[in-house]
């Protein structure tokens, strides 16, 4: 999955202020099967209403219908093993070394 945009709330790291951000997913890898709840690890571009832009990683759940389950910046991670597996897969796919 690449280059999908979603409107979400967020905090701009540079200013610390709460502002609406449009999130563009650049890369994604997921744990689980299509049609089930899947934990995703994504490299995203956050485009804030004030014009600032940041990039970074996030974990987020994808529902069985493939829509995202936004949870105010929180995603329950079932285990360190699952998180490490997703991060390792991102590295193997060639995008796990980015810095935001």
PDB file of N, CA and C in Angstrom:
ATOM      1  N   UNK A   1       0.851  -1.169   0.000  1.00  0.00           N
ATOM      2  CA  UNK A   1       0.000   0.000   0.000  1.00  0.00           C
ATOM      3  C   UNK A   1       0.891   1.224   0.000  1.00  0.00           C
ATOM      4  N   UNK A   2       0.592   2.178  -0.843  1.00  0.00           N
ATOM      5  CA  UNK A   2       1.418   3.374  -0.885  1.00  0.00           C
ATOM      6  C   UNK A   2       0.593   4.584  -1.288  1.00  0.00           C
ATOM      7  N   UNK A   3       0.993   5.709  -0.757  1.00  0.00           N
ATOM      8  CA  UNK A   3       0.468   7.014  -1.148  1.00  0.00           C
ATOM      9  C   UNK A   3      -1.033   7.177  -0.977  1.00  0.00           C
ATOM     10  N   UNK A   4      -1.573   6.670   0.115  1.00  0.00           N
ATOM     11  CA  UNK A   4      -2.961   6.957   0.462  1.00  0.00           C
ATOM     12  C   UNK A   4      -2.950   8.043   1.527  1.00  0.00           C
ATOM     13  N   UNK A   5      -3.879   8.956   1.461  1.00  0.00           N
ATOM     14  CA  UNK A   5      -3.921  10.057   2.419  1.00  0.00           C
ATOM     15  C   UNK A   5      -5.150   9.928   3.311  1.00  0.00           C
ATOM     16  N   UNK A   6      -4.968  10.240   4.590  1.00  0.00           N
ATOM     17  CA  UNK A   6      -6.037  10.186   5.572  1.00  0.00           C
ATOM     18  C   UNK A   6      -5.956  11.446   6.418  1.00  0.00           C
ATOM     19  N   UNK A   7      -7.102  12.011   6.789  1.00  0.00           N
ATOM     20  CA  UNK A   7      -7.106  13.167   7.682  1.00  0.00           C
ATOM     21  C   UNK A   7      -7.184  12.655   9.113  1.00  0.00           C
ATOM     22  N   UNK A   8      -6.274  13.120   9.959  1.00  0.00           N
ATOM     23  CA  UNK A   8      -6.234  12.692  11.343  1.00  0.00           C
ATOM     24  C   UNK A   8      -5.790  13.859  12.200  1.00  0.00           C
ATOM     25  N   UNK A   9      -6.061  13.764  13.488  1.00  0.00           N
ATOM     26  CA  UNK A   9      -5.511  14.726  14.428  1.00  0.00           C
ATOM     27  C   UNK A   9      -4.110  14.307  14.796  1.00  0.00           C
ATOM     28  N   UNK A  10      -3.306  15.235  15.220  1.00  0.00           N
ATOM     29  CA  UNK A  10      -1.952  14.887  15.614  1.00  0.00           C
ATOM     30  C   UNK A  10      -1.278  16.055  16.289  1.00  0.00           C
ATOM     31  N   UNK A  11      -0.099  15.805  16.816  1.00  0.00           N
ATOM     32  CA  UNK A  11       0.685  16.856  17.433  1.00  0.00           C
ATOM     33  C   UNK A  11       1.913  17.096  16.577  1.00  0.00           C
ATOM     34  N   UNK A  12       2.124  18.339  16.231  1.00  0.00           N
ATOM     35  CA  UNK A  12       3.285  18.713  15.443  1.00  0.00           C
ATOM     36  C   UNK A  12       4.497  18.697  16.375  1.00  0.00           C
ATOM     37  N   UNK A  13       5.479  17.843  16.089  1.00  0.00           N
ATOM     38  CA  UNK A  13       6.661  17.724  16.939  1.00  0.00           C
ATOM     39  C   UNK A  13       7.449  19.017  17.032  1.00  0.00           C
ATOM     40  N   UNK A  14       7.455  19.817  15.992  1.00  0.00           N
ATOM     41  CA  UNK A  14       8.243  21.047  15.984  1.00  0.00           C
ATOM     42  C   UNK A  14       7.652  22.111  16.900  1.00  0.00           C
ATOM     43  N   UNK A  15       6.323  22.224  16.899  1.00  0.00           N
ATOM     44  CA  UNK A  15       5.691  23.284  17.678  1.00  0.00           C
ATOM     45  C   UNK A  15       5.019  22.767  18.936  1.00  0.00           C
ATOM     46  N   UNK A  16       4.743  21.461  19.006  1.00  0.00           N
ATOM     47  CA  UNK A  16       4.058  20.891  20.155  1.00  0.00           C
ATOM     48  C   UNK A  16       2.574  21.200  20.184  1.00  0.00           C
ATOM     49  N   UNK A  17       2.074  21.875  19.165  1.00  0.00           N
ATOM     50  CA  UNK A  17       0.659  22.243  19.143  1.00  0.00           C
ATOM     51  C   UNK A  17      -0.173  21.146  18.490  1.00  0.00           C
ATOM     52  N   UNK A  18      -1.396  21.037  18.934  1.00  0.00           N
ATOM     53  CA  UNK A  18      -2.312  20.050  18.376  1.00  0.00           C
ATOM     54  C   UNK A  18      -2.954  20.660  17.142  1.00  0.00           C
ATOM     55  N   UNK A  19      -2.844  19.962  16.034  1.00  0.00           N
ATOM     56  CA  UNK A  19      -3.387  20.455  14.779  1.00  0.00           C
ATOM     57  C   UNK A  19      -3.800  19.269  13.920  1.00  0.00           C
ATOM     58  N   UNK A  20      -4.670  19.494  12.977  1.00  0.00           N
ATOM     59  CA  UNK A  20      -5.085  18.430  12.073  1.00  0.00           C
ATOM     60  C   UNK A  20      -3.972  18.146  11.072  1.00  0.00           C
ATOM     61  N   UNK A  21      -3.764  16.869  10.845  1.00  0.00           N
ATOM     62  CA  UNK A  21      -2.745  16.468   9.874  1.00  0.00           C
ATOM     63  C   UNK A  21      -3.376  15.545   8.844  1.00  0.00           C
ATOM     64  N   UNK A  22      -2.920  15.689   7.628  1.00  0.00           N
ATOM     65  CA  UNK A  22      -3.250  14.729   6.581  1.00  0.00           C
ATOM     66  C   UNK A  22      -2.089  13.750   6.564  1.00  0.00           C
ATOM     67  N   UNK A  23      -2.409  12.465   6.596  1.00  0.00           N
ATOM     68  CA  UNK A  23      -1.373  11.436   6.653  1.00  0.00           C
ATOM     69  C   UNK A  23      -1.320  10.717   5.316  1.00  0.00           C
ATOM     70  N   UNK A  24      -0.153  10.711   4.720  1.00  0.00           N
ATOM     71  CA  UNK A  24       0.056  10.010   3.462  1.00  0.00           C
ATOM     72  C   UNK A  24       0.908   8.786   3.766  1.00  0.00           C
ATOM     73  N   UNK A  25       0.351   7.591   3.530  1.00  0.00           N
ATOM     74  CA  UNK A  25       1.069   6.345   3.760  1.00  0.00           C
ATOM     75  C   UNK A  25       1.966   6.080   2.556  1.00  0.00           C
ATOM     76  N   UNK A  26       3.272   6.000   2.805  1.00  0.00           N
ATOM     77  CA  UNK A  26       4.241   5.774   1.744  1.00  0.00           C
ATOM     78  C   UNK A  26       4.528   4.273   1.598  1.00  0.00           C
ATOM     79  N   UNK A  27       4.761   3.594   2.723  1.00  0.00           N
ATOM     80  CA  UNK A  27       5.022   2.153   2.739  1.00  0.00           C
ATOM     81  C   UNK A  27       4.243   1.520   3.879  1.00  0.00           C
ATOM     82  N   UNK A  28       3.858   0.255   3.694  1.00  0.00           N
ATOM     83  CA  UNK A  28       3.140  -0.467   4.737  1.00  0.00           C
ATOM     84  C   UNK A  28       3.473  -1.943   4.661  1.00  0.00           C
ATOM     85  N   UNK A  29       3.618  -2.560   5.829  1.00  0.00           N
ATOM     86  CA  UNK A  29       3.694  -4.005   5.938  1.00  0.00           C
ATOM     87  C   UNK A  29       2.739  -4.405   7.058  1.00  0.00           C
ATOM     88  N   UNK A  30       2.137  -5.579   6.950  1.00  0.00           N
ATOM     89  CA  UNK A  30       1.098  -5.968   7.907  1.00  0.00           C
ATOM     90  C   UNK A  30       1.299  -7.393   8.398  1.00  0.00           C
ATOM     91  N   UNK A  31       0.821  -7.638   9.612  1.00  0.00           N
ATOM     92  CA  UNK A  31       0.826  -8.955  10.216  1.00  0.00           C
ATOM     93  C   UNK A  31      -0.607  -9.479  10.161  1.00  0.00           C
ATOM     94  N   UNK A  32      -0.798 -10.697   9.730  1.00  0.00           N
ATOM     95  CA  UNK A  32      -2.138 -11.275   9.680  1.00  0.00           C
ATOM     96  C   UNK A  32      -2.609 -11.507   8.258  1.00  0.00           C
ATOM     97  N   UNK A  33      -3.831 -11.991   8.157  1.00  0.00           N
ATOM     98  CA  UNK A  33      -4.405 -12.370   6.869  1.00  0.00           C
ATOM     99  C   UNK A  33      -5.411 -11.340   6.382  1.00  0.00           C
ATOM    100  N   UNK A  34      -5.503 -11.186   5.060  1.00  0.00           N
ATOM    101  CA  UNK A  34      -6.542 -10.333   4.461  1.00  0.00           C
ATOM    102  C   UNK A  34      -7.900 -10.797   4.995  1.00  0.00           C
ATOM    103  N   UNK A  35      -8.759  -9.856   5.308  1.00  0.00           N
ATOM    104  CA  UNK A  35     -10.090 -10.186   5.807  1.00  0.00           C
ATOM    105  C   UNK A  35     -10.161 -10.325   7.318  1.00  0.00           C
ATOM    106  N   UNK A  36      -9.007 -10.259   8.011  1.00  0.00           N
ATOM    107  CA  UNK A  36      -8.949 -10.260   9.471  1.00  0.00           C
ATOM    108  C   UNK A  36      -8.421  -8.912   9.934  1.00  0.00           C
ATOM    109  N   UNK A  37      -8.492  -8.652  11.245  1.00  0.00           N
ATOM    110  CA  UNK A  37      -7.813  -7.499  11.813  1.00  0.00           C
ATOM    111  C   UNK A  37      -6.320  -7.705  11.620  1.00  0.00           C
ATOM    112  N   UNK A  38      -5.616  -6.681  11.130  1.00  0.00           N
ATOM    113  CA  UNK A  38      -4.182  -6.786  10.883  1.00  0.00           C
ATOM    114  C   UNK A  38      -3.451  -5.588  11.490  1.00  0.00           C
ATOM    115  N   UNK A  39      -2.379  -5.869  12.203  1.00  0.00           N
ATOM    116  CA  UNK A  39      -1.530  -4.802  12.712  1.00  0.00           C
ATOM    117  C   UNK A  39      -0.583  -4.384  11.597  1.00  0.00           C
ATOM    118  N   UNK A  40      -0.539  -3.086  11.308  1.00  0.00           N
ATOM    119  CA  UNK A  40       0.298  -2.560  10.231  1.00  0.00           C
ATOM    120  C   UNK A  40       1.405  -1.691  10.797  1.00  0.00           C
ATOM    121  N   UNK A  41       2.535  -1.722  10.127  1.00  0.00           N
ATOM    122  CA  UNK A  41       3.663  -0.841  10.401  1.00  0.00           C
ATOM    123  C   UNK A  41       3.829  -0.003   9.146  1.00  0.00           C
ATOM    124  N   UNK A  42       3.799   1.323   9.308  1.00  0.00           N
ATOM    125  CA  UNK A  42       3.782   2.215   8.148  1.00  0.00           C
ATOM    126  C   UNK A  42       4.858   3.291   8.245  1.00  0.00           C
ATOM    127  N   UNK A  43       5.369   3.682   7.091  1.00  0.00           N
ATOM    128  CA  UNK A  43       6.192   4.884   6.951  1.00  0.00           C
ATOM    129  C   UNK A  43       5.271   5.921   6.340  1.00  0.00           C
ATOM    130  N   UNK A  44       5.102   7.058   7.034  1.00  0.00           N
ATOM    131  CA  UNK A  44       4.098   8.044   6.638  1.00  0.00           C
ATOM    132  C   UNK A  44       4.683   9.448   6.535  1.00  0.00           C
ATOM    133  N   UNK A  45       3.997  10.251   5.780  1.00  0.00           N
ATOM    134  CA  UNK A  45       4.254  11.679   5.698  1.00  0.00           C
ATOM    135  C   UNK A  45       3.049  12.368   6.357  1.00  0.00           C
ATOM    136  N   UNK A  46       3.325  13.199   7.356  1.00  0.00           N
ATOM    137  CA  UNK A  46       2.282  13.947   8.066  1.00  0.00           C
ATOM    138  C   UNK A  46       2.307  15.374   7.556  1.00  0.00           C
ATOM    139  N   UNK A  47       1.221  15.820   6.964  1.00  0.00           N
ATOM    140  CA  UNK A  47       1.130  17.167   6.407  1.00  0.00           C
ATOM    141  C   UNK A  47       0.143  17.952   7.270  1.00  0.00           C
ATOM    142  N   UNK A  48       0.657  18.906   8.026  1.00  0.00           N
ATOM    143  CA  UNK A  48      -0.143  19.643   8.998  1.00  0.00           C
ATOM    144  C   UNK A  48      -0.841  20.837   8.358  1.00  0.00           C
ATOM    145  N   UNK A  49      -1.944  21.245   8.977  1.00  0.00           N
ATOM    146  CA  UNK A  49      -2.757  22.344   8.462  1.00  0.00           C
ATOM    147  C   UNK A  49      -1.962  23.641   8.352  1.00  0.00           C
ATOM    148  N   UNK A  50      -0.952  23.807   9.198  1.00  0.00           N
ATOM    149  CA  UNK A  50      -0.154  25.036   9.159  1.00  0.00           C
ATOM    150  C   UNK A  50       0.938  24.990   8.091  1.00  0.00           C
ATOM    151  N   UNK A  51       0.991  23.904   7.308  1.00  0.00           N
ATOM    152  CA  UNK A  51       1.959  23.789   6.227  1.00  0.00           C
ATOM    153  C   UNK A  51       3.198  22.987   6.574  1.00  0.00           C
ATOM    154  N   UNK A  52       3.424  22.702   7.862  1.00  0.00           N
ATOM    155  CA  UNK A  52       4.571  21.882   8.241  1.00  0.00           C
ATOM    156  C   UNK A  52       4.382  20.459   7.751  1.00  0.00           C
ATOM    157  N   UNK A  53       5.500  19.767   7.532  1.00  0.00           N
ATOM    158  CA  UNK A  53       5.450  18.378   7.110  1.00  0.00           C
ATOM    159  C   UNK A  53       6.495  17.595   7.899  1.00  0.00           C
ATOM    160  N   UNK A  54       6.127  16.407   8.336  1.00  0.00           N
ATOM    161  CA  UNK A  54       7.038  15.512   9.036  1.00  0.00           C
ATOM    162  C   UNK A  54       6.858  14.115   8.472  1.00  0.00           C
ATOM    163  N   UNK A  55       7.885  13.285   8.626  1.00  0.00           N
ATOM    164  CA  UNK A  55       7.797  11.887   8.225  1.00  0.00           C
ATOM    165  C   UNK A  55       8.134  11.025   9.423  1.00  0.00           C
ATOM    166  N   UNK A  56       7.571   9.830   9.463  1.00  0.00           N
ATOM    167  CA  UNK A  56       7.860   8.930  10.570  1.00  0.00           C
ATOM    168  C   UNK A  56       7.110   7.622  10.441  1.00  0.00           C
ATOM    169  N   UNK A  57       7.426   6.714  11.353  1.00  0.00           N
ATOM    170  CA  UNK A  57       6.794   5.401  11.400  1.00  0.00           C
ATOM    171  C   UNK A  57       5.609   5.418  12.352  1.00  0.00           C
ATOM    172  N   UNK A  58       4.683   4.492  12.127  1.00  0.00           N
ATOM    173  CA  UNK A  58       3.598   4.292  13.082  1.00  0.00           C
ATOM    174  C   UNK A  58       3.091   2.864  12.963  1.00  0.00           C
ATOM    175  N   UNK A  59       2.505   2.391  14.054  1.00  0.00           N
ATOM    176  CA  UNK A  59       1.733   1.157  14.067  1.00  0.00           C
ATOM    177  C   UNK A  59       0.271   1.563  14.049  1.00  0.00           C
ATOM    178  N   UNK A  60      -0.543   0.850  13.286  1.00  0.00           N
ATOM    179  CA  UNK A  60      -1.967   1.130  13.230  1.00  0.00           C
ATOM    180  C   UNK A  60      -2.689  -0.159  12.837  1.00  0.00           C
ATOM    181  N   UNK A  61      -3.897  -0.322  13.335  1.00  0.00           N
ATOM    182  CA  UNK A  61      -4.693  -1.512  12.996  1.00  0.00           C
ATOM    183  C   UNK A  61      -5.512  -1.263  11.740  1.00  0.00           C
ATOM    184  N   UNK A  62      -5.624  -2.289  10.912  1.00  0.00           N
ATOM    185  CA  UNK A  62      -6.469  -2.274   9.721  1.00  0.00           C
ATOM    186  C   UNK A  62      -7.611  -3.252   9.970  1.00  0.00           C
ATOM    187  N   UNK A  63      -8.837  -2.767   9.797  1.00  0.00           N
ATOM    188  CA  UNK A  63     -10.037  -3.586  10.021  1.00  0.00           C
ATOM    189  C   UNK A  63     -10.175  -4.661   8.932  1.00  0.00           C
ATOM    190  N   UNK A  64     -11.059  -5.640   9.150  1.00  0.00           N
ATOM    191  CA  UNK A  64     -11.285  -6.672   8.123  1.00  0.00           C
ATOM    192  C   UNK A  64     -11.705  -6.107   6.764  1.00  0.00           C
ATOM    193  N   UNK A  65     -12.345  -4.928   6.744  1.00  0.00           N
ATOM    194  CA  UNK A  65     -12.747  -4.318   5.464  1.00  0.00           C
ATOM    195  C   UNK A  65     -11.621  -3.471   4.862  1.00  0.00           C
ATOM    196  N   UNK A  66     -10.430  -3.516   5.438  1.00  0.00           N
ATOM    197  CA  UNK A  66      -9.214  -2.808   5.008  1.00  0.00           C
ATOM    198  C   UNK A  66      -9.172  -1.329   5.387  1.00  0.00           C
ATOM    199  N   UNK A  67     -10.191  -0.813   6.075  1.00  0.00           N
ATOM    200  CA  UNK A  67     -10.118   0.573   6.548  1.00  0.00           C
ATOM    201  C   UNK A  67      -9.228   0.623   7.790  1.00  0.00           C
ATOM    202  N   UNK A  68      -8.702   1.820   8.082  1.00  0.00           N
ATOM    203  CA  UNK A  68      -7.811   1.986   9.225  1.00  0.00           C
ATOM    204  C   UNK A  68      -8.589   2.272  10.495  1.00  0.00           C
ATOM    205  N   UNK A  69      -8.105   1.756  11.605  1.00  0.00           N
ATOM    206  CA  UNK A  69      -8.693   1.994  12.927  1.00  0.00           C
ATOM    207  C   UNK A  69      -7.841   3.045  13.635  1.00  0.00           C
ATOM    208  N   UNK A  70      -8.162   4.301  13.421  1.00  0.00           N
ATOM    209  CA  UNK A  70      -7.431   5.376  14.088  1.00  0.00           C
ATOM    210  C   UNK A  70      -7.797   5.365  15.566  1.00  0.00           C
ATOM    211  N   UNK A  71      -6.796   5.511  16.431  1.00  0.00           N
ATOM    212  CA  UNK A  71      -7.046   5.421  17.874  1.00  0.00           C
ATOM    213  C   UNK A  71      -6.278   6.503  18.623  1.00  0.00           C
ATOM    214  N   UNK A  72      -6.407   7.739  18.191  1.00  0.00           N
ATOM    215  CA  UNK A  72      -5.765   8.870  18.860  1.00  0.00           C
ATOM    216  C   UNK A  72      -4.272   8.629  19.093  1.00  0.00           C
ATOM    217  N   UNK A  73      -3.603   8.124  18.063  1.00  0.00           N
ATOM    218  CA  UNK A  73      -2.164   7.935  18.142  1.00  0.00           C
ATOM    219  C   UNK A  73      -1.723   6.691  18.884  1.00  0.00           C
ATOM    220  N   UNK A  74      -2.674   5.814  19.230  1.00  0.00           N
ATOM    221  CA  UNK A  74      -2.320   4.611  19.968  1.00  0.00           C
ATOM    222  C   UNK A  74      -2.751   3.375  19.211  1.00  0.00           C
ATOM    223  N   UNK A  75      -1.905   2.379  19.209  1.00  0.00           N
ATOM    224  CA  UNK A  75      -2.249   1.073  18.641  1.00  0.00           C
ATOM    225  C   UNK A  75      -1.739   0.022  19.612  1.00  0.00           C
ATOM    226  N   UNK A  76      -2.603  -0.871  20.037  1.00  0.00           N
ATOM    227  CA  UNK A  76      -2.200  -1.944  20.944  1.00  0.00           C
ATOM    228  C   UNK A  76      -1.287  -2.895  20.189  1.00  0.00           C
ATOM    229  N   UNK A  77      -0.096  -3.121  20.708  1.00  0.00           N
ATOM    230  CA  UNK A  77       0.870  -4.028  20.094  1.00  0.00           C
ATOM    231  C   UNK A  77       0.802  -5.337  20.894  1.00  0.00           C
ATOM    232  N   UNK A  78       0.434  -6.452  20.249  1.00  0.00           N
ATOM    233  CA  UNK A  78       0.229  -7.687  21.005  1.00  0.00           C
ATOM    234  C   UNK A  78       1.488  -8.265  21.636  1.00  0.00           C
ATOM    235  N   UNK A  79       2.651  -8.022  21.050  1.00  0.00           N
ATOM    236  CA  UNK A  79       3.899  -8.516  21.639  1.00  0.00           C
ATOM    237  C   UNK A  79       5.076  -7.802  20.991  1.00  0.00           C
ATOM    238  N   UNK A  80       6.195  -7.801  21.694  1.00  0.00           N
ATOM    239  CA  UNK A  80       7.431  -7.256  21.142  1.00  0.00           C
ATOM    240  C   UNK A  80       7.836  -8.061  19.911  1.00  0.00           C
ATOM    241  N   UNK A  81       7.598  -9.366  19.948  1.00  0.00           N
ATOM    242  CA  UNK A  81       7.934 -10.233  18.816  1.00  0.00           C
ATOM    243  C   UNK A  81       7.219  -9.789  17.537  1.00  0.00           C
ATOM    244  N   UNK A  82       5.938  -9.474  17.642  1.00  0.00           N
ATOM    245  CA  UNK A  82       5.176  -9.015  16.479  1.00  0.00           C
ATOM    246  C   UNK A  82       5.731  -7.679  15.984  1.00  0.00           C
ATOM    247  N   UNK A  83       5.998  -6.744  16.901  1.00  0.00           N
ATOM    248  CA  UNK A  83       6.545  -5.438  16.515  1.00  0.00           C
ATOM    249  C   UNK A  83       7.901  -5.602  15.829  1.00  0.00           C
ATOM    250  N   UNK A  84       8.768  -6.414  16.406  1.00  0.00           N
ATOM    251  CA  UNK A  84      10.085  -6.640  15.802  1.00  0.00           C
ATOM    252  C   UNK A  84       9.955  -7.291  14.431  1.00  0.00           C
ATOM    253  N   UNK A  85       9.022  -8.226  14.306  1.00  0.00           N
ATOM    254  CA  UNK A  85       8.817  -8.887  13.013  1.00  0.00           C
ATOM    255  C   UNK A  85       8.407  -7.911  11.928  1.00  0.00           C
ATOM    256  N   UNK A  86       7.499  -6.985  12.261  1.00  0.00           N
ATOM    257  CA  UNK A  86       7.066  -5.984  11.281  1.00  0.00           C
ATOM    258  C   UNK A  86       8.209  -5.033  10.924  1.00  0.00           C
ATOM    259  N   UNK A  87       8.987  -4.637  11.922  1.00  0.00           N
ATOM    260  CA  UNK A  87      10.114  -3.749  11.645  1.00  0.00           C
ATOM    261  C   UNK A  87      11.178  -4.459  10.807  1.00  0.00           C
ATOM    262  N   UNK A  88      11.417  -5.728  11.085  1.00  0.00           N
ATOM    263  CA  UNK A  88      12.376  -6.495  10.282  1.00  0.00           C
ATOM    264  C   UNK A  88      11.894  -6.625   8.846  1.00  0.00           C
ATOM    265  N   UNK A  89      10.599  -6.869   8.659  1.00  0.00           N
ATOM    266  CA  UNK A  89      10.052  -6.976   7.307  1.00  0.00           C
ATOM    267  C   UNK A  89      10.223  -5.661   6.550  1.00  0.00           C
ATOM    268  N   UNK A  90      10.020  -4.520   7.247  1.00  0.00           N
ATOM    269  CA  UNK A  90      10.224  -3.209   6.607  1.00  0.00           C
ATOM    270  C   UNK A  90      11.674  -3.058   6.147  1.00  0.00           C
ATOM    271  N   UNK A  91      12.607  -3.509   6.971  1.00  0.00           N
ATOM    272  CA  UNK A  91      14.017  -3.441   6.580  1.00  0.00           C
ATOM    273  C   UNK A  91      14.284  -4.333   5.369  1.00  0.00           C
ATOM    274  N   UNK A  92      13.718  -5.537   5.371  1.00  0.00           N
ATOM    275  CA  UNK A  92      13.900  -6.454   4.247  1.00  0.00           C
ATOM    276  C   UNK A  92      13.297  -5.907   2.958  1.00  0.00           C
ATOM    277  N   UNK A  93      12.191  -5.136   3.084  1.00  0.00           N
ATOM    278  CA  UNK A  93      11.543  -4.542   1.930  1.00  0.00           C
ATOM    279  C   UNK A  93      12.251  -3.261   1.465  1.00  0.00           C
ATOM    280  N   UNK A  94      13.260  -2.812   2.216  1.00  0.00           N
ATOM    281  CA  UNK A  94      14.070  -1.681   1.790  1.00  0.00           C
ATOM    282  C   UNK A  94      13.634  -0.322   2.290  1.00  0.00           C
ATOM    283  N   UNK A  95      12.700  -0.256   3.258  1.00  0.00           N
ATOM    284  CA  UNK A  95      12.287   1.044   3.757  1.00  0.00           C
ATOM    285  C   UNK A  95      12.373   1.157   5.284  1.00  0.00           C
ATOM    286  N   UNK A  96      12.991   0.225   5.933  1.00  0.00           N
ATOM    287  CA  UNK A  96      13.091   0.244   7.386  1.00  0.00           C
ATOM    288  C   UNK A  96      14.237   1.061   7.945  1.00  0.00           C
ATOM    289  N   UNK A  97      15.004   1.711   7.111  1.00  0.00           N
ATOM    290  CA  UNK A  97      16.155   2.491   7.565  1.00  0.00           C
ATOM    291  C   UNK A  97      15.885   3.996   7.543  1.00  0.00           C
ATOM    292  N   UNK A  98      14.691   4.411   7.141  1.00  0.00           N
ATOM    293  CA  UNK A  98      14.395   5.837   7.028  1.00  0.00           C
ATOM    294  C   UNK A  98      14.381   6.510   8.400  1.00  0.00           C
ATOM    295  N   UNK A  99      14.683   7.788   8.413  1.00  0.00           N
ATOM    296  CA  UNK A  99      14.595   8.596   9.630  1.00  0.00           C
ATOM    297  C   UNK A  99      13.729   9.810   9.343  1.00  0.00           C
ATOM    298  N   UNK A 100      12.852  10.124  10.271  1.00  0.00           N
ATOM    299  CA  UNK A 100      11.915  11.228  10.080  1.00  0.00           C
ATOM    300  C   UNK A 100      12.307  12.482  10.773  1.00  0.00           C
TER     301      UNK A 100
END
